[in-house]
Amino acid sequence: MQHFGVVRHLEDEMFVRTAATLVAWMLIGVASLQGITTSSRTTVVWANGDPDPDIPGLRNIYIPDNAASSSLLYDDFVVPAEGWVVVGLFSFNRMSFTGVTSAYWEIRRAVSESTSTLVASGTNAATQLMRPNTFDPRTELTTFKIVVHGLALHLSAGRYWLAVAPVASAGMQSFICPTSGRHAVGQPQGNNANAYYGSPRSSSLLRAETFAHSRAKDFALGVFARP
């Protein structure tokens, strides 16, 4: 009986240790899930639609040492009443080059052909993601998604215009992709033909439809944000 008591004591101790270990792992799991939940709050709050491979785009590129040779496409998005904290931006472009590590971006308000207000701009780290099966042998261009990282920009409710262009060198080619609004998120949904075209930091812009293909009314850009 004494031996049985020792064994029972050891079993009880093992049970306590096992239970403590399970509780510890459960707590780690809960913490991990909380971390996942927190990070997953960053989401696409506006996307104007998938790039349309059948419509020619407009030149969209930023050359740091020659701003006059840079061209930007601006399309509009609407921030709802609660506002956004913008953490990332993106655009789809047909490009002749790889190795992009940074992109130039601008956000404007009150855009018209005579004036506009620059809200924020910058050159930030960016990722170049190839869209599969998009190489066009006729133009030797491939579609890439240029994603800007590392922002923390608060935008209040209202209508804004966004431009995102890869940083490049003279001789490189990049054309922003038009969209028909397929898989669009937020407002508008690639259906209001309210894009503008111009140079970085210029106060006056021109209607994009003046230069674009007749079917190129809206363009593939988007915003990542958190509440």
Protein backbone atom coordinates (compact mmCIF):
# COMPACT_ATOMS: atom_id res chain seq x y z
CA MET A 1 0.00 0.00 0.00
CA GLN A 2 2.85 2.31 0.77
CA HIS A 3 4.28 1.65 -2.69
CA PHE A 4 0.88 2.37 -4.23
CA GLY A 5 0.77 5.66 -2.35
CA VAL A 6 4.13 6.69 -3.81
CA VAL A 7 2.98 5.80 -7.29
CA ARG A 8 -0.25 7.70 -6.78
CA HIS A 9 1.70 10.71 -5.54
CA LEU A 10 3.93 10.61 -8.64
CA GLU A 11 0.89 10.31 -10.91
CA ASP A 12 -0.71 13.32 -9.23
CA GLU A 13 2.49 15.33 -9.66
CA MET A 14 2.74 14.35 -13.33
CA PHE A 15 -0.89 15.36 -13.85
CA VAL A 16 -0.27 18.79 -12.31
CA ARG A 17 2.82 19.33 -14.47
CA THR A 18 1.00 18.18 -17.59
CA ALA A 19 -1.95 20.44 -16.84
CA ALA A 20 0.37 23.39 -16.24
CA THR A 21 2.12 22.72 -19.54
CA LEU A 22 -1.19 22.55 -21.41
CA VAL A 23 -2.32 25.82 -19.85
CA ALA A 24 0.97 27.47 -20.85
CA TRP A 25 0.59 26.29 -24.45
CA MET A 26 -3.02 27.47 -24.49
CA LEU A 27 -1.92 30.92 -23.32
CA ILE A 28 0.76 31.03 -26.01
CA GLY A 29 -1.85 30.02 -28.55
CA VAL A 30 -4.24 32.72 -27.41
CA ALA A 31 -1.45 35.31 -27.59
CA SER A 32 -0.58 34.15 -31.08
CA LEU A 33 -4.18 34.37 -32.18
CA GLN A 34 -4.43 37.85 -30.70
CA GLY A 35 -1.37 38.84 -32.70
CA ILE A 36 -2.91 37.44 -35.86
CA THR A 37 -6.15 39.26 -35.20
CA THR A 38 -4.34 42.55 -34.62
CA SER A 39 -2.25 42.31 -37.77
CA SER A 40 -5.20 41.20 -39.87
CA ARG A 41 -7.00 44.48 -39.13
CA THR A 42 -4.85 46.02 -41.85
CA THR A 43 -6.85 45.49 -45.02
CA VAL A 44 -7.55 46.75 -48.52
CA VAL A 45 -10.06 49.55 -47.99
CA TRP A 46 -10.08 50.72 -51.59
CA ALA A 47 -9.16 48.97 -54.82
CA ASN A 48 -10.33 50.44 -58.10
CA GLY A 49 -10.43 47.00 -59.76
CA ASP A 50 -8.27 44.37 -61.41
CA PRO A 51 -5.92 45.49 -64.20
CA ASP A 52 -7.45 45.10 -67.65
CA PRO A 53 -4.92 43.47 -70.02
CA ASP A 54 -6.75 44.53 -73.17
CA ILE A 55 -6.65 48.32 -72.72
CA PRO A 56 -3.46 50.39 -73.20
CA GLY A 57 -2.38 52.42 -70.17
CA LEU A 58 -0.68 55.75 -69.52
CA ARG A 59 2.96 56.35 -68.66
CA ASN A 60 3.39 56.21 -64.88
CA ILE A 61 6.98 56.51 -63.64
CA TYR A 62 9.11 58.61 -61.29
CA ILE A 63 12.69 59.54 -62.23
CA PRO A 64 14.26 61.23 -59.18
CA ASP A 65 16.93 63.23 -61.01
CA ASN A 66 14.57 64.37 -63.77
CA ALA A 67 11.12 65.26 -62.45
CA ALA A 68 10.23 66.83 -65.79
CA SER A 69 10.47 63.38 -67.39
CA SER A 70 8.29 61.81 -64.71
CA SER A 71 4.57 61.20 -65.27
CA LEU A 72 1.88 60.34 -62.73
CA LEU A 73 -1.69 59.08 -63.03
CA TYR A 74 -4.11 60.14 -60.29
CA ASP A 75 -7.43 58.40 -59.64
CA ASP A 76 -9.96 59.19 -56.96
CA PHE A 77 -11.12 57.34 -53.85
CA VAL A 78 -13.52 58.17 -51.02
CA VAL A 79 -12.70 57.92 -47.31
CA PRO A 80 -15.82 57.24 -45.18
CA ALA A 81 -16.93 59.18 -42.12
CA GLU A 82 -14.75 57.29 -39.63
CA GLY A 83 -11.54 58.09 -41.54
CA TRP A 84 -8.55 55.83 -42.23
CA VAL A 85 -4.98 55.34 -41.07
CA VAL A 86 -3.28 54.56 -44.37
CA VAL A 87 -0.45 52.04 -44.00
CA GLY A 88 0.20 51.13 -47.64
CA LEU A 89 -0.61 51.93 -51.26
CA PHE A 90 -0.41 50.10 -54.57
CA SER A 91 -0.74 50.38 -58.31
CA PHE A 92 -0.64 47.91 -61.21
CA ASN A 93 1.75 48.81 -64.03
CA ARG A 94 2.97 47.24 -67.28
CA MET A 95 6.74 47.49 -66.98
CA SER A 96 9.93 46.84 -68.92
CA PHE A 97 12.14 46.34 -65.84
CA THR A 98 12.45 44.55 -62.50
CA GLY A 99 14.39 45.28 -59.30
CA VAL A 100 12.09 48.01 -57.98
CA THR A 101 12.81 48.76 -54.31
CA SER A 102 11.05 52.12 -53.88
CA ALA A 103 8.09 54.04 -55.23
CA TYR A 104 6.95 57.64 -55.28
CA TRP A 105 3.39 58.48 -54.24
CA GLU A 106 1.10 61.45 -53.83
CA ILE A 107 -2.33 62.00 -52.31
CA ARG A 108 -4.26 65.13 -53.32
CA ARG A 109 -7.60 66.79 -52.69
CA ALA A 110 -9.82 69.23 -54.59
CA VAL A 111 -8.36 68.19 -57.94
CA SER A 112 -9.37 70.00 -61.12
CA GLU A 113 -7.58 71.06 -64.28
CA SER A 114 -6.79 74.46 -62.78
CA THR A 115 -5.72 73.52 -59.26
CA SER A 116 -5.23 70.81 -56.64
CA THR A 117 -4.07 70.52 -53.03
CA LEU A 118 -1.20 68.19 -52.16
CA VAL A 119 -2.08 66.39 -48.92
CA ALA A 120 0.97 64.13 -48.62
CA SER A 121 3.73 62.63 -50.76
CA GLY A 122 6.93 60.67 -50.42
CA THR A 123 9.35 58.06 -51.67
CA ASN A 124 9.05 54.85 -49.65
CA ALA A 125 10.23 51.27 -49.72
CA ALA A 126 8.21 49.22 -52.17
CA THR A 127 7.77 45.65 -53.36
CA GLN A 128 7.43 44.67 -57.02
CA LEU A 129 5.12 41.66 -57.44
CA MET A 130 4.75 40.06 -60.86
CA ARG A 131 1.24 39.21 -62.03
CA PRO A 132 1.48 35.70 -63.54
CA ASN A 133 1.15 35.12 -67.28
CA THR A 134 1.06 38.80 -68.23
CA PHE A 135 4.14 39.14 -70.43
CA ASP A 136 3.16 40.70 -73.76
CA PRO A 137 5.62 39.80 -76.54
CA ARG A 138 4.32 42.65 -78.70
CA THR A 139 5.35 45.33 -76.21
CA GLU A 140 7.82 43.27 -74.12
CA LEU A 141 6.03 44.52 -71.01
CA THR A 142 4.90 42.54 -67.95
CA THR A 143 2.26 43.55 -65.40
CA PHE A 144 3.55 44.14 -61.85
CA LYS A 145 1.90 45.27 -58.64
CA ILE A 146 3.93 48.01 -56.94
CA VAL A 147 3.20 48.00 -53.19
CA VAL A 148 4.34 50.86 -50.92
CA HIS A 149 5.07 49.99 -47.28
CA GLY A 150 5.67 51.77 -43.98
CA LEU A 151 3.06 54.52 -43.93
CA ALA A 152 0.98 55.79 -41.02
CA LEU A 153 -1.05 58.58 -42.58
CA HIS A 154 -4.40 59.66 -41.15
CA LEU A 155 -7.01 60.72 -43.70
CA SER A 156 -10.31 62.27 -42.64
CA ALA A 157 -13.53 61.72 -44.57
CA GLY A 158 -13.65 63.01 -48.12
CA ARG A 159 -12.56 62.48 -51.71
CA TYR A 160 -8.87 62.16 -52.55
CA TRP A 161 -6.74 61.38 -55.60
CA LEU A 162 -3.89 58.85 -55.45
CA ALA A 163 -0.78 58.32 -57.58
CA VAL A 164 1.75 55.50 -57.07
CA ALA A 165 4.69 55.11 -59.47
CA PRO A 166 7.88 53.02 -59.40
CA VAL A 167 11.18 54.86 -58.96
CA ALA A 168 13.21 54.25 -62.10
CA SER A 169 15.97 55.54 -64.36
CA ALA A 170 15.82 57.21 -67.75
CA GLY A 171 14.97 54.80 -70.54
CA MET A 172 12.84 52.49 -68.40
CA GLN A 173 9.14 52.08 -69.21
CA SER A 174 6.14 51.82 -66.90
CA PHE A 175 2.46 52.27 -67.84
CA ILE A 176 -0.35 52.19 -65.30
CA CYS A 177 -3.04 49.61 -66.05
CA PRO A 178 -6.61 50.67 -66.74
CA THR A 179 -9.41 48.83 -64.97
CA SER A 180 -13.05 48.06 -65.64
CA GLY A 181 -13.79 47.76 -61.93
CA ARG A 182 -13.77 43.96 -61.61
CA HIS A 183 -13.27 42.90 -57.95
CA ALA A 184 -13.32 46.54 -56.84
CA VAL A 185 -13.44 47.41 -53.11
CA GLY A 186 -14.69 50.64 -51.55
CA GLN A 187 -15.75 53.72 -53.49
CA PRO A 188 -15.68 54.43 -56.34
CA GLN A 189 -15.42 51.05 -58.03
CA GLY A 190 -13.55 51.79 -61.24
CA ASN A 191 -16.61 53.31 -62.86
CA ASN A 192 -16.58 57.11 -62.60
CA ALA A 193 -13.92 58.26 -65.13
CA ASN A 194 -12.46 60.84 -62.76
CA ALA A 195 -8.72 60.35 -63.30
CA TYR A 196 -6.12 63.07 -63.87
CA TYR A 197 -2.63 63.10 -65.35
CA GLY A 198 0.41 65.27 -64.72
CA SER A 199 3.87 65.77 -63.21
CA PRO A 200 5.01 65.27 -59.62
CA ARG A 201 4.17 68.15 -57.27
CA SER A 202 2.60 70.19 -60.07
CA SER A 203 -0.44 72.16 -58.91
CA SER A 204 -2.31 71.80 -62.20
CA LEU A 205 -3.30 68.49 -63.78
CA LEU A 206 -5.11 67.42 -66.95
CA ARG A 207 -7.99 65.05 -67.43
CA ALA A 208 -6.56 61.60 -68.11
CA GLU A 209 -9.13 60.91 -70.82
CA THR A 210 -7.45 63.61 -72.90
CA PHE A 211 -4.42 61.32 -73.33
CA ALA A 212 -5.74 57.83 -72.67
CA HIS A 213 -7.21 55.18 -74.91
CA SER A 214 -10.95 55.70 -75.37
CA ARG A 215 -11.66 52.70 -73.11
CA ALA A 216 -9.20 53.75 -70.39
CA LYS A 217 -11.48 55.61 -67.99
CA ASP A 218 -10.28 54.33 -64.61
CA PHE A 219 -7.00 52.89 -63.36
CA ALA A 220 -5.81 50.07 -61.08
CA LEU A 221 -4.74 51.63 -57.77
CA GLY A 222 -5.54 50.87 -54.13
CA VAL A 223 -5.11 51.65 -50.43
CA PHE A 224 -4.29 49.54 -47.37
CA ALA A 225 -5.51 50.98 -44.05
CA ARG A 226 -6.55 50.22 -40.51
CA PRO A 227 -9.35 51.80 -38.47
